[in-house]
Amino acid sequence: ELDFATDKLTQKFEYHSKTLASQAAQDELWAAVL
């Protein structure tokens, strides 16, 4: 159960990390264009 919960948390963390990284890259791109 702990392994399953850890996997879920890891997946959520990776997803949020990618989302934040993508958003940061988009913000940086917009700032550079402007």
PDB file of all heavy atoms in Angstrom:
ATOM      1  N   GLU A   1       0.826  -1.203   0.000  1.00  0.00           N
ATOM      2  CA  GLU A   1       0.000   0.000   0.000  1.00  0.00           C
ATOM      3  C   GLU A   1       0.866   1.260   0.000  1.00  0.00           C
ATOM      4  O   GLU A   1       0.583   2.230  -0.688  1.00  0.00           O
ATOM      5  CB  GLU A   1      -0.922  -0.002   1.222  1.00  0.00           C
ATOM      6  CG  GLU A   1      -2.025  -1.051   1.156  1.00  0.00           C
ATOM      7  CD  GLU A   1      -2.899  -1.031   2.400  1.00  0.00           C
ATOM      8  OE1 GLU A   1      -2.643  -0.183   3.282  1.00  0.00           O
ATOM      9  OE2 GLU A   1      -3.826  -1.855   2.488  1.00  0.00           O
ATOM     10  N   LEU A   2       1.956   1.203   0.794  1.00  0.00           N
ATOM     11  CA  LEU A   2       2.867   2.345   0.836  1.00  0.00           C
ATOM     12  C   LEU A   2       3.549   2.549  -0.514  1.00  0.00           C
ATOM     13  O   LEU A   2       3.722   3.687  -0.974  1.00  0.00           O
ATOM     14  CB  LEU A   2       3.918   2.127   1.930  1.00  0.00           C
ATOM     15  CG  LEU A   2       3.436   2.311   3.365  1.00  0.00           C
ATOM     16  CD1 LEU A   2       4.543   1.905   4.343  1.00  0.00           C
ATOM     17  CD2 LEU A   2       3.026   3.759   3.627  1.00  0.00           C
ATOM     18  N   ASP A   3       3.961   1.457  -1.150  1.00  0.00           N
ATOM     19  CA  ASP A   3       4.585   1.550  -2.471  1.00  0.00           C
ATOM     20  C   ASP A   3       3.631   2.163  -3.478  1.00  0.00           C
ATOM     21  O   ASP A   3       4.016   3.013  -4.295  1.00  0.00           O
ATOM     22  CB  ASP A   3       5.028   0.166  -2.958  1.00  0.00           C
ATOM     23  CG  ASP A   3       6.273  -0.323  -2.228  1.00  0.00           C
ATOM     24  OD1 ASP A   3       6.967   0.521  -1.637  1.00  0.00           O
ATOM     25  OD2 ASP A   3       6.532  -1.542  -2.253  1.00  0.00           O
ATOM     26  N   PHE A   4       2.367   1.712  -3.425  1.00  0.00           N
ATOM     27  CA  PHE A   4       1.354   2.234  -4.345  1.00  0.00           C
ATOM     28  C   PHE A   4       1.142   3.724  -4.105  1.00  0.00           C
ATOM     29  O   PHE A   4       1.083   4.526  -5.053  1.00  0.00           O
ATOM     30  CB  PHE A   4       0.036   1.472  -4.141  1.00  0.00           C
ATOM     31  CG  PHE A   4      -1.067   1.932  -5.044  1.00  0.00           C
ATOM     32  CD1 PHE A   4      -1.097   1.563  -6.386  1.00  0.00           C
ATOM     33  CD2 PHE A   4      -2.090   2.744  -4.561  1.00  0.00           C
ATOM     34  CE1 PHE A   4      -2.120   1.992  -7.224  1.00  0.00           C
ATOM     35  CE2 PHE A   4      -3.112   3.175  -5.383  1.00  0.00           C
ATOM     36  CZ  PHE A   4      -3.125   2.804  -6.718  1.00  0.00           C
ATOM     37  N   ALA A   5       1.033   4.097  -2.815  1.00  0.00           N
ATOM     38  CA  ALA A   5       0.837   5.505  -2.471  1.00  0.00           C
ATOM     39  C   ALA A   5       2.045   6.343  -2.889  1.00  0.00           C
ATOM     40  O   ALA A   5       1.901   7.464  -3.389  1.00  0.00           O
ATOM     41  CB  ALA A   5       0.591   5.649  -0.971  1.00  0.00           C
ATOM     42  N   THR A   6       3.240   5.786  -2.700  1.00  0.00           N
ATOM     43  CA  THR A   6       4.461   6.493  -3.096  1.00  0.00           C
ATOM     44  C   THR A   6       4.509   6.705  -4.600  1.00  0.00           C
ATOM     45  O   THR A   6       4.887   7.783  -5.083  1.00  0.00           O
ATOM     46  CB  THR A   6       5.705   5.701  -2.648  1.00  0.00           C
ATOM     47  OG1 THR A   6       5.658   5.538  -1.227  1.00  0.00           O
ATOM     48  CG2 THR A   6       6.980   6.425  -3.032  1.00  0.00           C
ATOM     49  N   ASP A   7       4.141   5.654  -5.351  1.00  0.00           N
ATOM     50  CA  ASP A   7       4.110   5.771  -6.818  1.00  0.00           C
ATOM     51  C   ASP A   7       3.142   6.865  -7.249  1.00  0.00           C
ATOM     52  O   ASP A   7       3.433   7.653  -8.156  1.00  0.00           O
ATOM     53  CB  ASP A   7       3.714   4.439  -7.453  1.00  0.00           C
ATOM     54  CG  ASP A   7       4.813   3.399  -7.335  1.00  0.00           C
ATOM     55  OD1 ASP A   7       5.973   3.801  -7.095  1.00  0.00           O
ATOM     56  OD2 ASP A   7       4.525   2.197  -7.473  1.00  0.00           O
ATOM     57  N   LYS A   8       1.968   6.900  -6.606  1.00  0.00           N
ATOM     58  CA  LYS A   8       0.968   7.920  -6.939  1.00  0.00           C
ATOM     59  C   LYS A   8       1.507   9.319  -6.661  1.00  0.00           C
ATOM     60  O   LYS A   8       1.346  10.239  -7.465  1.00  0.00           O
ATOM     61  CB  LYS A   8      -0.317   7.688  -6.140  1.00  0.00           C
ATOM     62  CG  LYS A   8      -1.180   6.546  -6.638  1.00  0.00           C
ATOM     63  CD  LYS A   8      -1.807   6.913  -7.980  1.00  0.00           C
ATOM     64  CE  LYS A   8      -2.769   5.828  -8.442  1.00  0.00           C
ATOM     65  NZ  LYS A   8      -3.381   6.159  -9.767  1.00  0.00           N
ATOM     66  N   LEU A   9       2.120   9.475  -5.504  1.00  0.00           N
ATOM     67  CA  LEU A   9       2.675  10.775  -5.132  1.00  0.00           C
ATOM     68  C   LEU A   9       3.805  11.179  -6.085  1.00  0.00           C
ATOM     69  O   LEU A   9       3.915  12.346  -6.474  1.00  0.00           O
ATOM     70  CB  LEU A   9       3.201  10.732  -3.694  1.00  0.00           C
ATOM     71  CG  LEU A   9       2.141  10.725  -2.586  1.00  0.00           C
ATOM     72  CD1 LEU A   9       2.799  10.504  -1.224  1.00  0.00           C
ATOM     73  CD2 LEU A   9       1.346  12.032  -2.583  1.00  0.00           C
ATOM     74  N   THR A  10       4.622  10.191  -6.455  1.00  0.00           N
ATOM     75  CA  THR A  10       5.720  10.472  -7.384  1.00  0.00           C
ATOM     76  C   THR A  10       5.189  10.915  -8.739  1.00  0.00           C
ATOM     77  O   THR A  10       5.697  11.875  -9.344  1.00  0.00           O
ATOM     78  CB  THR A  10       6.600   9.217  -7.567  1.00  0.00           C
ATOM     79  OG1 THR A  10       7.125   8.819  -6.296  1.00  0.00           O
ATOM     80  CG2 THR A  10       7.749   9.502  -8.527  1.00  0.00           C
ATOM     81  N   GLN A  11       4.145  10.228  -9.223  1.00  0.00           N
ATOM     82  CA  GLN A  11       3.542  10.596 -10.495  1.00  0.00           C
ATOM     83  C   GLN A  11       2.966  12.005 -10.447  1.00  0.00           C
ATOM     84  O   GLN A  11       3.124  12.796 -11.384  1.00  0.00           O
ATOM     85  CB  GLN A  11       2.450   9.583 -10.869  1.00  0.00           C
ATOM     86  CG  GLN A  11       2.986   8.210 -11.241  1.00  0.00           C
ATOM     87  CD  GLN A  11       1.872   7.193 -11.450  1.00  0.00           C
ATOM     88  OE1 GLN A  11       0.697   7.545 -11.459  1.00  0.00           O
ATOM     89  NE2 GLN A  11       2.248   5.941 -11.616  1.00  0.00           N
ATOM     90  N   LYS A  12       2.262  12.304  -9.336  1.00  0.00           N
ATOM     91  CA  LYS A  12       1.690  13.648  -9.189  1.00  0.00           C
ATOM     92  C   LYS A  12       2.787  14.702  -9.139  1.00  0.00           C
ATOM     93  O   LYS A  12       2.666  15.769  -9.734  1.00  0.00           O
ATOM     94  CB  LYS A  12       0.834  13.711  -7.917  1.00  0.00           C
ATOM     95  CG  LYS A  12      -0.486  12.962  -8.009  1.00  0.00           C
ATOM     96  CD  LYS A  12      -1.294  13.125  -6.736  1.00  0.00           C
ATOM     97  CE  LYS A  12      -2.630  12.395  -6.840  1.00  0.00           C
ATOM     98  NZ  LYS A  12      -3.437  12.551  -5.589  1.00  0.00           N
ATOM     99  N   PHE A  13       3.857  14.397  -8.412  1.00  0.00           N
ATOM    100  CA  PHE A  13       4.970  15.331  -8.298  1.00  0.00           C
ATOM    101  C   PHE A  13       5.608  15.583  -9.666  1.00  0.00           C
ATOM    102  O   PHE A  13       5.894  16.723 -10.027  1.00  0.00           O
ATOM    103  CB  PHE A  13       6.003  14.780  -7.323  1.00  0.00           C
ATOM    104  CG  PHE A  13       7.219  15.651  -7.193  1.00  0.00           C
ATOM    105  CD1 PHE A  13       7.183  16.812  -6.449  1.00  0.00           C
ATOM    106  CD2 PHE A  13       8.409  15.305  -7.831  1.00  0.00           C
ATOM    107  CE1 PHE A  13       8.301  17.619  -6.331  1.00  0.00           C
ATOM    108  CE2 PHE A  13       9.525  16.107  -7.722  1.00  0.00           C
ATOM    109  CZ  PHE A  13       9.473  17.264  -6.972  1.00  0.00           C
ATOM    110  N   GLU A  14       5.826  14.492 -10.419  1.00  0.00           N
ATOM    111  CA  GLU A  14       6.432  14.631 -11.741  1.00  0.00           C
ATOM    112  C   GLU A  14       5.528  15.435 -12.670  1.00  0.00           C
ATOM    113  O   GLU A  14       6.003  16.273 -13.441  1.00  0.00           O
ATOM    114  CB  GLU A  14       6.710  13.247 -12.335  1.00  0.00           C
ATOM    115  CG  GLU A  14       7.827  12.498 -11.621  1.00  0.00           C
ATOM    116  CD  GLU A  14       8.014  11.103 -12.174  1.00  0.00           C
ATOM    117  OE1 GLU A  14       7.145  10.641 -12.935  1.00  0.00           O
ATOM    118  OE2 GLU A  14       9.036  10.459 -11.827  1.00  0.00           O
ATOM    119  N   TYR A  15       4.219  15.176 -12.579  1.00  0.00           N
ATOM    120  CA  TYR A  15       3.267  15.903 -13.429  1.00  0.00           C
ATOM    121  C   TYR A  15       3.284  17.398 -13.091  1.00  0.00           C
ATOM    122  O   TYR A  15       3.364  18.251 -13.981  1.00  0.00           O
ATOM    123  CB  TYR A  15       1.852  15.345 -13.231  1.00  0.00           C
ATOM    124  CG  TYR A  15       0.784  16.166 -13.914  1.00  0.00           C
ATOM    125  CD1 TYR A  15       0.568  16.062 -15.292  1.00  0.00           C
ATOM    126  CD2 TYR A  15      -0.013  17.050 -13.185  1.00  0.00           C
ATOM    127  CE1 TYR A  15      -0.402  16.818 -15.914  1.00  0.00           C
ATOM    128  CE2 TYR A  15      -0.985  17.810 -13.810  1.00  0.00           C
ATOM    129  CZ  TYR A  15      -1.177  17.684 -15.171  1.00  0.00           C
ATOM    130  OH  TYR A  15      -2.139  18.454 -15.782  1.00  0.00           O
ATOM    131  N   HIS A  16       3.208  17.709 -11.795  1.00  0.00           N
ATOM    132  CA  HIS A  16       3.215  19.113 -11.384  1.00  0.00           C
ATOM    133  C   HIS A  16       4.548  19.778 -11.706  1.00  0.00           C
ATOM    134  O   HIS A  16       4.581  20.961 -12.080  1.00  0.00           O
ATOM    135  CB  HIS A  16       2.917  19.233  -9.885  1.00  0.00           C
ATOM    136  CG  HIS A  16       1.486  18.945  -9.532  1.00  0.00           C
ATOM    137  ND1 HIS A  16       0.427  19.652 -10.082  1.00  0.00           N
ATOM    138  CD2 HIS A  16       0.922  18.036  -8.705  1.00  0.00           C
ATOM    139  CE1 HIS A  16      -0.716  19.192  -9.591  1.00  0.00           C
ATOM    140  NE2 HIS A  16      -0.432  18.208  -8.756  1.00  0.00           N
ATOM    141  N   SER A  17       5.629  19.035 -11.586  1.00  0.00           N
ATOM    142  CA  SER A  17       6.944  19.578 -11.916  1.00  0.00           C
ATOM    143  C   SER A  17       7.021  19.926 -13.396  1.00  0.00           C
ATOM    144  O   SER A  17       7.528  20.990 -13.771  1.00  0.00           O
ATOM    145  CB  SER A  17       8.051  18.574 -11.557  1.00  0.00           C
ATOM    146  OG  SER A  17       8.095  18.341 -10.171  1.00  0.00           O
ATOM    147  N   LYS A  18       6.518  19.007 -14.243  1.00  0.00           N
ATOM    148  CA  LYS A  18       6.521  19.259 -15.684  1.00  0.00           C
ATOM    149  C   LYS A  18       5.617  20.439 -16.021  1.00  0.00           C
ATOM    150  O   LYS A  18       5.949  21.265 -16.880  1.00  0.00           O
ATOM    151  CB  LYS A  18       6.061  18.004 -16.434  1.00  0.00           C
ATOM    152  CG  LYS A  18       7.065  16.864 -16.405  1.00  0.00           C
ATOM    153  CD  LYS A  18       6.536  15.644 -17.139  1.00  0.00           C
ATOM    154  CE  LYS A  18       7.544  14.497 -17.100  1.00  0.00           C
ATOM    155  NZ  LYS A  18       7.023  13.279 -17.792  1.00  0.00           N
ATOM    156  N   THR A  19       4.456  20.495 -15.349  1.00  0.00           N
ATOM    157  CA  THR A  19       3.529  21.595 -15.603  1.00  0.00           C
ATOM    158  C   THR A  19       4.158  22.929 -15.230  1.00  0.00           C
ATOM    159  O   THR A  19       4.072  23.909 -15.983  1.00  0.00           O
ATOM    160  CB  THR A  19       2.227  21.400 -14.799  1.00  0.00           C
ATOM    161  OG1 THR A  19       1.620  20.156 -15.188  1.00  0.00           O
ATOM    162  CG2 THR A  19       1.260  22.535 -15.057  1.00  0.00           C
ATOM    163  N   LEU A  20       4.789  22.965 -14.061  1.00  0.00           N
ATOM    164  CA  LEU A  20       5.432  24.200 -13.612  1.00  0.00           C
ATOM    165  C   LEU A  20       6.589  24.579 -14.525  1.00  0.00           C
ATOM    166  O   LEU A  20       6.773  25.763 -14.852  1.00  0.00           O
ATOM    167  CB  LEU A  20       5.934  24.027 -12.173  1.00  0.00           C
ATOM    168  CG  LEU A  20       4.854  23.959 -11.092  1.00  0.00           C
ATOM    169  CD1 LEU A  20       5.486  23.612  -9.737  1.00  0.00           C
ATOM    170  CD2 LEU A  20       4.101  25.287 -10.989  1.00  0.00           C
ATOM    171  N   ALA A  21       7.352  23.572 -14.953  1.00  0.00           N
ATOM    172  CA  ALA A  21       8.477  23.838 -15.847  1.00  0.00           C
ATOM    173  C   ALA A  21       7.979  24.368 -17.185  1.00  0.00           C
ATOM    174  O   ALA A  21       8.559  25.306 -17.756  1.00  0.00           O
ATOM    175  CB  ALA A  21       9.298  22.565 -16.056  1.00  0.00           C
ATOM    176  N   SER A  22       6.895  23.766 -17.690  1.00  0.00           N
ATOM    177  CA  SER A  22       6.316  24.215 -18.951  1.00  0.00           C
ATOM    178  C   SER A  22       5.791  25.636 -18.834  1.00  0.00           C
ATOM    179  O   SER A  22       6.001  26.469 -19.728  1.00  0.00           O
ATOM    180  CB  SER A  22       5.182  23.268 -19.366  1.00  0.00           C
ATOM    181  OG  SER A  22       4.551  23.731 -20.544  1.00  0.00           O
ATOM    182  N   GLN A  23       5.096  25.931 -17.731  1.00  0.00           N
ATOM    183  CA  GLN A  23       4.565  27.272 -17.521  1.00  0.00           C
ATOM    184  C   GLN A  23       5.697  28.285 -17.392  1.00  0.00           C
ATOM    185  O   GLN A  23       5.615  29.395 -17.936  1.00  0.00           O
ATOM    186  CB  GLN A  23       3.696  27.301 -16.256  1.00  0.00           C
ATOM    187  CG  GLN A  23       3.009  28.642 -16.021  1.00  0.00           C
ATOM    188  CD  GLN A  23       2.062  29.011 -17.148  1.00  0.00           C
ATOM    189  OE1 GLN A  23       1.200  28.229 -17.518  1.00  0.00           O
ATOM    190  NE2 GLN A  23       2.248  30.194 -17.717  1.00  0.00           N
ATOM    191  N   ALA A  24       6.745  27.901 -16.693  1.00  0.00           N
ATOM    192  CA  ALA A  24       7.892  28.793 -16.533  1.00  0.00           C
ATOM    193  C   ALA A  24       8.552  29.075 -17.882  1.00  0.00           C
ATOM    194  O   ALA A  24       8.935  30.219 -18.177  1.00  0.00           O
ATOM    195  CB  ALA A  24       8.903  28.178 -15.569  1.00  0.00           C
ATOM    196  N   ALA A  25       8.655  28.023 -18.720  1.00  0.00           N
ATOM    197  CA  ALA A  25       9.258  28.188 -20.042  1.00  0.00           C
ATOM    198  C   ALA A  25       8.394  29.098 -20.909  1.00  0.00           C
ATOM    199  O   ALA A  25       8.911  29.948 -21.660  1.00  0.00           O
ATOM    200  CB  ALA A  25       9.427  26.828 -20.714  1.00  0.00           C
ATOM    201  N   GLN A  26       7.063  28.942 -20.825  1.00  0.00           N
ATOM    202  CA  GLN A  26       6.160  29.796 -21.590  1.00  0.00           C
ATOM    203  C   GLN A  26       6.260  31.247 -21.132  1.00  0.00           C
ATOM    204  O   GLN A  26       6.290  32.168 -21.956  1.00  0.00           O
ATOM    205  CB  GLN A  26       4.724  29.293 -21.446  1.00  0.00           C
ATOM    206  CG  GLN A  26       4.452  27.975 -22.155  1.00  0.00           C
ATOM    207  CD  GLN A  26       3.028  27.493 -21.952  1.00  0.00           C
ATOM    208  OE1 GLN A  26       2.200  28.199 -21.397  1.00  0.00           O
ATOM    209  NE2 GLN A  26       2.755  26.274 -22.391  1.00  0.00           N
ATOM    210  N   ASP A  27       6.302  31.444 -19.819  1.00  0.00           N
ATOM    211  CA  ASP A  27       6.429  32.808 -19.292  1.00  0.00           C
ATOM    212  C   ASP A  27       7.744  33.444 -19.744  1.00  0.00           C
ATOM    213  O   ASP A  27       7.782  34.625 -20.117  1.00  0.00           O
ATOM    214  CB  ASP A  27       6.376  32.786 -17.761  1.00  0.00           C
ATOM    215  CG  ASP A  27       4.996  32.405 -17.232  1.00  0.00           C
ATOM    216  OD1 ASP A  27       4.019  32.464 -18.015  1.00  0.00           O
ATOM    217  OD2 ASP A  27       4.892  32.026 -16.052  1.00  0.00           O
ATOM    218  N   GLU A  28       8.802  32.639 -19.710  1.00  0.00           N
ATOM    219  CA  GLU A  28      10.109  33.141 -20.147  1.00  0.00           C
ATOM    220  C   GLU A  28      10.100  33.482 -21.631  1.00  0.00           C
ATOM    221  O   GLU A  28      10.682  34.497 -22.054  1.00  0.00           O
ATOM    222  CB  GLU A  28      11.177  32.079 -19.847  1.00  0.00           C
ATOM    223  CG  GLU A  28      12.599  32.546 -20.126  1.00  0.00           C
ATOM    224  CD  GLU A  28      13.638  31.490 -19.775  1.00  0.00           C
ATOM    225  OE1 GLU A  28      13.311  30.594 -18.978  1.00  0.00           O
ATOM    226  OE2 GLU A  28      14.764  31.568 -20.305  1.00  0.00           O
ATOM    227  N   LEU A  29       9.420  32.639 -22.419  1.00  0.00           N
ATOM    228  CA  LEU A  29       9.331  32.887 -23.857  1.00  0.00           C
ATOM    229  C   LEU A  29       8.578  34.179 -24.143  1.00  0.00           C
ATOM    230  O   LEU A  29       9.015  35.011 -24.945  1.00  0.00           O
ATOM    231  CB  LEU A  29       8.637  31.705 -24.542  1.00  0.00           C
ATOM    232  CG  LEU A  29       8.393  31.832 -26.050  1.00  0.00           C
ATOM    233  CD1 LEU A  29       9.712  32.004 -26.794  1.00  0.00           C
ATOM    234  CD2 LEU A  29       7.647  30.605 -26.567  1.00  0.00           C
ATOM    235  N   TRP A  30       7.436  34.364 -23.468  1.00  0.00           N
ATOM    236  CA  TRP A  30       6.654  35.589 -23.659  1.00  0.00           C
ATOM    237  C   TRP A  30       7.452  36.820 -23.252  1.00  0.00           C
ATOM    238  O   TRP A  30       7.437  37.852 -23.937  1.00  0.00           O
ATOM    239  CB  TRP A  30       5.347  35.514 -22.870  1.00  0.00           C
ATOM    240  CG  TRP A  30       4.245  34.892 -23.661  1.00  0.00           C
ATOM    241  CD1 TRP A  30       3.810  33.604 -23.609  1.00  0.00           C
ATOM    242  CD2 TRP A  30       3.445  35.535 -24.656  1.00  0.00           C
ATOM    243  NE1 TRP A  30       2.788  33.405 -24.502  1.00  0.00           N
ATOM    244  CE2 TRP A  30       2.541  34.565 -25.149  1.00  0.00           C
ATOM    245  CE3 TRP A  30       3.400  36.823 -25.163  1.00  0.00           C
ATOM    246  CZ2 TRP A  30       1.606  34.854 -26.141  1.00  0.00           C
ATOM    247  CZ3 TRP A  30       2.467  37.128 -26.154  1.00  0.00           C
ATOM    248  CH2 TRP A  30       1.586  36.144 -26.636  1.00  0.00           C
ATOM    249  N   ALA A  31       8.150  36.713 -22.134  1.00  0.00           N
ATOM    250  CA  ALA A  31       8.958  37.839 -21.674  1.00  0.00           C
ATOM    251  C   ALA A  31      10.040  38.184 -22.697  1.00  0.00           C
ATOM    252  O   ALA A  31      10.299  39.362 -22.974  1.00  0.00           O
ATOM    253  CB  ALA A  31       9.594  37.509 -20.322  1.00  0.00           C
ATOM    254  N   ALA A  32      10.647  37.149 -23.275  1.00  0.00           N
ATOM    255  CA  ALA A  32      11.699  37.367 -24.270  1.00  0.00           C
ATOM    256  C   ALA A  32      11.143  38.010 -25.533  1.00  0.00           C
ATOM    257  O   ALA A  32      11.764  38.916 -26.107  1.00  0.00           O
ATOM    258  CB  ALA A  32      12.376  36.033 -24.607  1.00  0.00           C
ATOM    259  N   VAL A  33       9.972  37.549 -25.973  1.00  0.00           N
ATOM    260  CA  VAL A  33       9.363  38.107 -27.181  1.00  0.00           C
ATOM    261  C   VAL A  33       9.004  39.578 -26.991  1.00  0.00           C
ATOM    262  O   VAL A  33       9.243  40.420 -27.860  1.00  0.00           O
ATOM    263  CB  VAL A  33       8.101  37.296 -27.564  1.00  0.00           C
ATOM    264  CG1 VAL A  33       7.311  38.020 -28.650  1.00  0.00           C
ATOM    265  CG2 VAL A  33       8.497  35.907 -28.045  1.00  0.00           C
ATOM    266  N   LEU A  34       8.442  39.882 -25.836  1.00  0.00           N
ATOM    267  CA  LEU A  34       8.010  41.253 -25.574  1.00  0.00           C
ATOM    268  C   LEU A  34       9.194  42.194 -25.312  1.00  0.00           C
ATOM    269  O   LEU A  34       9.052  43.414 -25.428  1.00  0.00           O
ATOM    270  CB  LEU A  34       7.060  41.275 -24.376  1.00  0.00           C
ATOM    271  CG  LEU A  34       5.726  40.550 -24.584  1.00  0.00           C
ATOM    272  CD1 LEU A  34       4.938  40.500 -23.284  1.00  0.00           C
ATOM    273  CD2 LEU A  34       4.916  41.215 -25.683  1.00  0.00           C
TER     274      LEU A  34
END
